[in-house]
Amino acid sequence: MTKNFGITLCAFSIGIFLFLGCNVSPPENEIKNEITKHFEDRHYKVIDIDISAIESIPQHEKVYMGKEGYIVRLKSITLEAQNPQDTKGRRLIYENGTIRIRKSTDELHKWIITDISNIPAL
C-alpha cells in the first residue's frame, strides 16, 4: 500500500464512523406539531412557538439499542388557556423552556414528549 492510500483509507474510516454516530434531528415543523398536540390535549392552544435548538440527548443518557431522543430548547412559547377553570382566553408566555422527546417503542414510532422544564402551565 502506498502512504496516500493509507491516509485516504484512514480518513474515510473516520468519516464513516462520525457519520454513523450522529443522529439527524427531526424536522422543526414535525416537532412543533407534536408540541402543539401535547398542549392542546391539555386544554392549551399554542399561539406561538419559537424553537432555538434541537439537540441530540447527551451521550451519557443514551440507552444501548434505545430509541433516538432529542432536547428541544424553546426561545419562547405562548399558550392560551382553553379550559374555563383556567380563565379561558388568558395568555401565558414562557421563555427558555426545554422539552425532551423520543421515539415511541411501538411500530408507529411516534414522537413522545417525556419531560417539560421551565413551562409550569401543566
N, C-alpha and C. Protein backbone atom coordinates (compact mmCIF):
# COMPACT_ATOMS: atom_id res chain seq x y z
N MET A 1 0.84 -1.18 0.00
CA MET A 1 0.00 0.00 0.00
C MET A 1 0.88 1.24 0.00
N THR A 2 0.37 2.24 -0.66
CA THR A 2 1.10 3.50 -0.65
C THR A 2 0.69 4.33 0.55
N LYS A 3 1.51 5.29 0.87
CA LYS A 3 1.24 6.15 2.03
C LYS A 3 -0.05 6.95 1.84
N ASN A 4 -0.31 7.46 0.64
CA ASN A 4 -1.51 8.24 0.37
C ASN A 4 -2.77 7.38 0.49
N PHE A 5 -2.69 6.13 0.03
CA PHE A 5 -3.84 5.24 0.13
C PHE A 5 -4.18 4.96 1.59
N GLY A 6 -3.17 4.77 2.43
CA GLY A 6 -3.39 4.53 3.85
C GLY A 6 -4.03 5.73 4.54
N ILE A 7 -3.59 6.92 4.21
CA ILE A 7 -4.15 8.15 4.78
C ILE A 7 -5.59 8.31 4.31
N THR A 8 -5.84 8.06 3.04
CA THR A 8 -7.19 8.18 2.49
C THR A 8 -8.12 7.18 3.15
N LEU A 9 -7.67 5.95 3.31
CA LEU A 9 -8.49 4.91 3.95
C LEU A 9 -8.79 5.28 5.40
N CYS A 10 -7.80 5.80 6.11
CA CYS A 10 -7.98 6.21 7.49
C CYS A 10 -8.99 7.35 7.58
N ALA A 11 -8.87 8.35 6.73
CA ALA A 11 -9.79 9.49 6.72
C ALA A 11 -11.20 9.04 6.39
N PHE A 12 -11.34 8.13 5.42
CA PHE A 12 -12.64 7.60 5.04
C PHE A 12 -13.27 6.84 6.21
N SER A 13 -12.49 6.03 6.89
CA SER A 13 -13.00 5.27 8.04
C SER A 13 -13.47 6.18 9.16
N ILE A 14 -12.72 7.21 9.45
CA ILE A 14 -13.11 8.17 10.48
C ILE A 14 -14.40 8.89 10.07
N GLY A 15 -14.50 9.26 8.80
CA GLY A 15 -15.71 9.93 8.30
C GLY A 15 -16.94 9.05 8.45
N ILE A 16 -16.83 7.77 8.10
CA ILE A 16 -17.95 6.83 8.23
C ILE A 16 -18.31 6.66 9.70
N PHE A 17 -17.33 6.54 10.56
CA PHE A 17 -17.58 6.39 12.00
C PHE A 17 -18.34 7.60 12.55
N LEU A 18 -17.91 8.80 12.18
CA LEU A 18 -18.58 10.01 12.65
C LEU A 18 -19.99 10.11 12.09
N PHE A 19 -20.18 9.75 10.84
CA PHE A 19 -21.50 9.81 10.21
C PHE A 19 -22.46 8.85 10.88
N LEU A 20 -22.03 7.63 11.15
CA LEU A 20 -22.91 6.64 11.77
C LEU A 20 -23.19 6.96 13.23
N GLY A 21 -22.32 7.70 13.87
CA GLY A 21 -22.50 8.04 15.27
C GLY A 21 -23.39 9.26 15.49
N CYS A 22 -23.76 9.95 14.44
CA CYS A 22 -24.55 11.17 14.57
C CYS A 22 -25.98 10.93 14.13
N ASN A 23 -26.93 11.45 14.89
CA ASN A 23 -28.33 11.40 14.51
C ASN A 23 -28.70 12.69 13.81
N VAL A 24 -29.58 12.58 12.84
CA VAL A 24 -30.10 13.76 12.18
C VAL A 24 -31.36 14.15 12.93
N SER A 25 -31.40 15.38 13.42
CA SER A 25 -32.56 15.79 14.20
C SER A 25 -33.81 15.84 13.31
N PRO A 26 -34.97 15.62 13.91
CA PRO A 26 -36.22 15.63 13.15
C PRO A 26 -36.53 17.05 12.64
N PRO A 27 -37.36 17.15 11.62
CA PRO A 27 -37.71 18.47 11.09
C PRO A 27 -38.40 19.33 12.16
N GLU A 28 -38.10 20.61 12.15
CA GLU A 28 -38.64 21.53 13.16
C GLU A 28 -40.17 21.56 13.14
N ASN A 29 -40.77 21.53 11.94
CA ASN A 29 -42.24 21.58 11.88
C ASN A 29 -42.87 20.32 12.49
N GLU A 30 -42.21 19.17 12.38
CA GLU A 30 -42.70 17.94 12.99
C GLU A 30 -42.68 18.06 14.52
N ILE A 31 -41.64 18.65 15.04
CA ILE A 31 -41.52 18.86 16.49
C ILE A 31 -42.57 19.87 16.95
N LYS A 32 -42.73 20.97 16.22
CA LYS A 32 -43.74 21.97 16.58
C LYS A 32 -45.13 21.35 16.61
N ASN A 33 -45.44 20.50 15.63
CA ASN A 33 -46.75 19.85 15.60
C ASN A 33 -46.95 18.95 16.82
N GLU A 34 -45.93 18.23 17.22
CA GLU A 34 -46.04 17.34 18.38
C GLU A 34 -46.21 18.13 19.67
N ILE A 35 -45.47 19.23 19.81
CA ILE A 35 -45.60 20.09 20.99
C ILE A 35 -47.00 20.70 21.04
N THR A 36 -47.48 21.18 19.89
CA THR A 36 -48.82 21.76 19.81
C THR A 36 -49.88 20.75 20.22
N LYS A 37 -49.77 19.53 19.70
CA LYS A 37 -50.73 18.47 20.03
C LYS A 37 -50.69 18.17 21.53
N HIS A 38 -49.50 18.12 22.10
CA HIS A 38 -49.34 17.84 23.53
C HIS A 38 -50.08 18.87 24.38
N PHE A 39 -49.92 20.15 24.07
CA PHE A 39 -50.58 21.19 24.85
C PHE A 39 -52.08 21.25 24.58
N GLU A 40 -52.50 21.02 23.33
CA GLU A 40 -53.92 21.02 23.02
C GLU A 40 -54.66 19.90 23.74
N ASP A 41 -54.00 18.75 23.90
CA ASP A 41 -54.60 17.65 24.65
C ASP A 41 -54.82 18.03 26.12
N ARG A 42 -54.12 19.06 26.57
CA ARG A 42 -54.23 19.52 27.97
C ARG A 42 -54.93 20.87 28.07
N HIS A 43 -55.72 21.20 27.04
CA HIS A 43 -56.59 22.39 27.02
C HIS A 43 -55.83 23.71 26.94
N TYR A 44 -54.72 23.71 26.21
CA TYR A 44 -54.00 24.94 25.93
C TYR A 44 -53.80 25.05 24.42
N LYS A 45 -54.12 26.21 23.87
CA LYS A 45 -53.88 26.46 22.45
C LYS A 45 -52.50 27.10 22.33
N VAL A 46 -51.69 26.60 21.42
CA VAL A 46 -50.36 27.18 21.18
C VAL A 46 -50.53 28.33 20.20
N ILE A 47 -50.27 29.54 20.68
CA ILE A 47 -50.39 30.73 19.85
C ILE A 47 -49.10 30.95 19.06
N ASP A 48 -47.97 30.77 19.73
CA ASP A 48 -46.68 30.99 19.08
C ASP A 48 -45.65 30.09 19.75
N ILE A 49 -44.74 29.57 18.94
CA ILE A 49 -43.65 28.75 19.48
C ILE A 49 -42.39 29.08 18.69
N ASP A 50 -41.33 29.36 19.41
CA ASP A 50 -40.05 29.73 18.79
C ASP A 50 -38.97 28.78 19.31
N ILE A 51 -38.54 27.87 18.45
CA ILE A 51 -37.52 26.88 18.81
C ILE A 51 -36.14 27.46 18.54
N SER A 52 -35.28 27.42 19.57
CA SER A 52 -33.92 27.94 19.37
C SER A 52 -32.95 26.83 18.96
N ALA A 53 -33.19 25.57 19.41
CA ALA A 53 -32.28 24.48 19.05
C ALA A 53 -32.95 23.13 19.27
N ILE A 54 -32.55 22.17 18.46
CA ILE A 54 -32.93 20.77 18.63
C ILE A 54 -31.62 19.99 18.70
N GLU A 55 -31.35 19.41 19.88
CA GLU A 55 -30.07 18.74 20.11
C GLU A 55 -30.30 17.28 20.47
N SER A 56 -29.37 16.44 20.09
CA SER A 56 -29.41 15.04 20.49
C SER A 56 -29.19 14.97 22.00
N ILE A 57 -29.82 13.99 22.65
CA ILE A 57 -29.61 13.85 24.09
C ILE A 57 -28.14 13.54 24.35
N PRO A 58 -27.62 13.93 25.52
CA PRO A 58 -26.21 13.69 25.82
C PRO A 58 -25.87 12.19 25.78
N GLN A 59 -24.65 11.90 25.42
CA GLN A 59 -24.20 10.52 25.28
C GLN A 59 -24.44 9.69 26.54
N HIS A 60 -24.23 10.27 27.72
CA HIS A 60 -24.38 9.51 28.95
C HIS A 60 -25.85 9.15 29.26
N GLU A 61 -26.81 9.78 28.55
CA GLU A 61 -28.22 9.47 28.75
C GLU A 61 -28.75 8.47 27.73
N LYS A 62 -27.96 8.17 26.72
CA LYS A 62 -28.41 7.26 25.68
C LYS A 62 -28.42 5.83 26.20
N VAL A 63 -29.36 5.05 25.71
CA VAL A 63 -29.50 3.65 26.10
C VAL A 63 -29.14 2.79 24.90
N TYR A 64 -28.35 1.76 25.14
CA TYR A 64 -27.95 0.87 24.06
C TYR A 64 -29.20 0.31 23.38
N MET A 65 -29.27 0.42 22.09
CA MET A 65 -30.38 -0.05 21.26
C MET A 65 -31.69 0.66 21.60
N GLY A 66 -31.60 1.80 22.29
CA GLY A 66 -32.79 2.58 22.63
C GLY A 66 -33.22 3.45 21.47
N LYS A 67 -34.37 4.04 21.61
CA LYS A 67 -34.88 4.93 20.57
C LYS A 67 -34.19 6.29 20.66
N GLU A 68 -34.12 6.97 19.52
CA GLU A 68 -33.47 8.27 19.49
C GLU A 68 -34.25 9.28 20.32
N GLY A 69 -33.54 10.22 20.90
CA GLY A 69 -34.16 11.24 21.72
C GLY A 69 -33.48 12.58 21.51
N TYR A 70 -34.25 13.65 21.73
CA TYR A 70 -33.73 14.99 21.50
C TYR A 70 -34.17 15.93 22.60
N ILE A 71 -33.40 16.98 22.78
CA ILE A 71 -33.74 18.07 23.68
C ILE A 71 -34.11 19.25 22.79
N VAL A 72 -35.33 19.74 22.96
CA VAL A 72 -35.81 20.88 22.19
C VAL A 72 -35.75 22.10 23.11
N ARG A 73 -34.94 23.06 22.73
CA ARG A 73 -34.81 24.29 23.51
C ARG A 73 -35.72 25.35 22.88
N LEU A 74 -36.61 25.88 23.71
CA LEU A 74 -37.55 26.89 23.23
C LEU A 74 -37.09 28.27 23.64
N LYS A 75 -37.02 29.17 22.67
CA LYS A 75 -36.75 30.57 22.99
C LYS A 75 -37.97 31.13 23.71
N SER A 76 -39.17 30.81 23.19
CA SER A 76 -40.41 31.21 23.84
C SER A 76 -41.57 30.37 23.33
N ILE A 77 -42.62 30.31 24.14
CA ILE A 77 -43.87 29.66 23.75
C ILE A 77 -45.00 30.46 24.38
N THR A 78 -46.03 30.72 23.58
CA THR A 78 -47.21 31.45 24.05
C THR A 78 -48.39 30.50 24.01
N LEU A 79 -49.02 30.31 25.16
CA LEU A 79 -50.16 29.41 25.29
C LEU A 79 -51.40 30.23 25.65
N GLU A 80 -52.56 29.73 25.23
CA GLU A 80 -53.83 30.35 25.60
C GLU A 80 -54.69 29.28 26.26
N ALA A 81 -55.13 29.55 27.48
CA ALA A 81 -55.95 28.59 28.22
C ALA A 81 -57.28 28.41 27.51
N GLN A 82 -57.72 27.15 27.34
CA GLN A 82 -58.98 26.83 26.68
C GLN A 82 -60.02 26.27 27.65
N ASN A 83 -59.62 26.01 28.87
CA ASN A 83 -60.48 25.44 29.88
C ASN A 83 -61.06 26.58 30.73
N PRO A 84 -62.39 26.66 30.87
CA PRO A 84 -62.99 27.76 31.66
C PRO A 84 -62.45 27.83 33.09
N GLN A 85 -62.03 26.72 33.66
CA GLN A 85 -61.49 26.73 35.02
C GLN A 85 -60.13 27.43 35.09
N ASP A 86 -59.45 27.52 33.96
CA ASP A 86 -58.13 28.16 33.90
C ASP A 86 -58.20 29.58 33.35
N THR A 87 -59.33 30.25 33.52
CA THR A 87 -59.56 31.58 32.97
C THR A 87 -59.37 31.53 31.46
N LYS A 88 -60.35 30.95 30.79
CA LYS A 88 -60.30 30.76 29.34
C LYS A 88 -59.90 32.05 28.62
N GLY A 89 -59.00 31.93 27.70
CA GLY A 89 -58.53 33.06 26.91
C GLY A 89 -57.30 33.73 27.47
N ARG A 90 -56.93 33.40 28.70
CA ARG A 90 -55.75 34.02 29.31
C ARG A 90 -54.50 33.51 28.59
N ARG A 91 -53.61 34.42 28.25
CA ARG A 91 -52.37 34.04 27.55
C ARG A 91 -51.23 33.90 28.54
N LEU A 92 -50.47 32.84 28.33
CA LEU A 92 -49.31 32.54 29.17
C LEU A 92 -48.08 32.52 28.27
N ILE A 93 -47.08 33.28 28.62
CA ILE A 93 -45.84 33.35 27.82
C ILE A 93 -44.70 32.82 28.68
N TYR A 94 -43.98 31.85 28.14
CA TYR A 94 -42.84 31.26 28.84
C TYR A 94 -41.62 31.38 27.95
N GLU A 95 -40.49 31.64 28.57
CA GLU A 95 -39.23 31.75 27.85
C GLU A 95 -38.23 30.74 28.38
N ASN A 96 -37.32 30.32 27.52
CA ASN A 96 -36.23 29.40 27.86
C ASN A 96 -36.73 28.06 28.40
N GLY A 97 -37.76 27.53 27.77
CA GLY A 97 -38.27 26.21 28.15
C GLY A 97 -37.46 25.11 27.48
N THR A 98 -37.55 23.93 28.05
CA THR A 98 -36.87 22.76 27.49
C THR A 98 -37.85 21.60 27.44
N ILE A 99 -37.91 20.94 26.30
CA ILE A 99 -38.78 19.78 26.12
C ILE A 99 -37.93 18.63 25.62
N ARG A 100 -38.07 17.48 26.25
CA ARG A 100 -37.37 16.28 25.81
C ARG A 100 -38.36 15.38 25.07
N ILE A 101 -37.92 14.89 23.92
CA ILE A 101 -38.77 14.00 23.12
C ILE A 101 -37.98 12.75 22.76
N ARG A 102 -38.71 11.68 22.47
CA ARG A 102 -38.07 10.46 21.99
C ARG A 102 -39.08 9.72 21.11
N LYS A 103 -38.60 8.78 20.34
CA LYS A 103 -39.46 7.95 19.50
C LYS A 103 -40.10 6.88 20.37
N SER A 104 -41.35 6.57 20.07
CA SER A 104 -42.03 5.51 20.82
C SER A 104 -41.44 4.16 20.44
N THR A 105 -41.66 3.17 21.30
CA THR A 105 -41.10 1.84 21.04
C THR A 105 -42.05 0.95 20.26
N ASP A 106 -43.26 1.42 19.99
CA ASP A 106 -44.21 0.61 19.21
C ASP A 106 -43.90 0.70 17.72
N GLU A 107 -44.72 0.05 16.92
CA GLU A 107 -44.45 0.03 15.48
C GLU A 107 -44.77 1.36 14.80
N LEU A 108 -45.46 2.27 15.48
CA LEU A 108 -45.80 3.57 14.89
C LEU A 108 -44.62 4.54 14.95
N HIS A 109 -43.73 4.37 15.91
CA HIS A 109 -42.55 5.23 16.08
C HIS A 109 -42.92 6.71 16.11
N LYS A 110 -43.94 7.03 16.90
CA LYS A 110 -44.36 8.42 17.07
C LYS A 110 -43.41 9.13 18.03
N TRP A 111 -43.42 10.45 17.97
CA TRP A 111 -42.65 11.23 18.93
C TRP A 111 -43.45 11.34 20.22
N ILE A 112 -42.76 11.18 21.34
CA ILE A 112 -43.38 11.26 22.66
C ILE A 112 -42.64 12.31 23.47
N ILE A 113 -43.37 13.20 24.10
CA ILE A 113 -42.77 14.19 24.98
C ILE A 113 -42.58 13.52 26.34
N THR A 114 -41.34 13.46 26.79
CA THR A 114 -41.04 12.76 28.04
C THR A 114 -40.79 13.71 29.22
N ASP A 115 -40.48 14.97 28.93
CA ASP A 115 -40.21 15.90 30.03
C ASP A 115 -40.35 17.33 29.52
N ILE A 116 -40.91 18.19 30.38
CA ILE A 116 -41.03 19.61 30.06
C ILE A 116 -40.46 20.38 31.25
N SER A 117 -39.54 21.29 30.97
CA SER A 117 -38.93 22.10 32.03
C SER A 117 -39.15 23.58 31.74
N ASN A 118 -39.36 24.35 32.79
CA ASN A 118 -39.50 25.81 32.73
C ASN A 118 -40.76 26.26 32.01
N ILE A 119 -41.77 25.39 31.94
CA ILE A 119 -43.09 25.76 31.42
C ILE A 119 -44.10 25.24 32.44
N PRO A 120 -44.36 26.00 33.51
CA PRO A 120 -45.18 25.50 34.61
C PRO A 120 -46.68 25.49 34.37
N ALA A 121 -47.13 25.67 33.14
CA ALA A 121 -48.56 25.69 32.86
C ALA A 121 -49.22 24.36 33.17
N LEU A 122 -48.47 23.28 33.08
CA LEU A 122 -49.06 21.94 33.27
C LEU A 122 -48.86 21.43 34.65
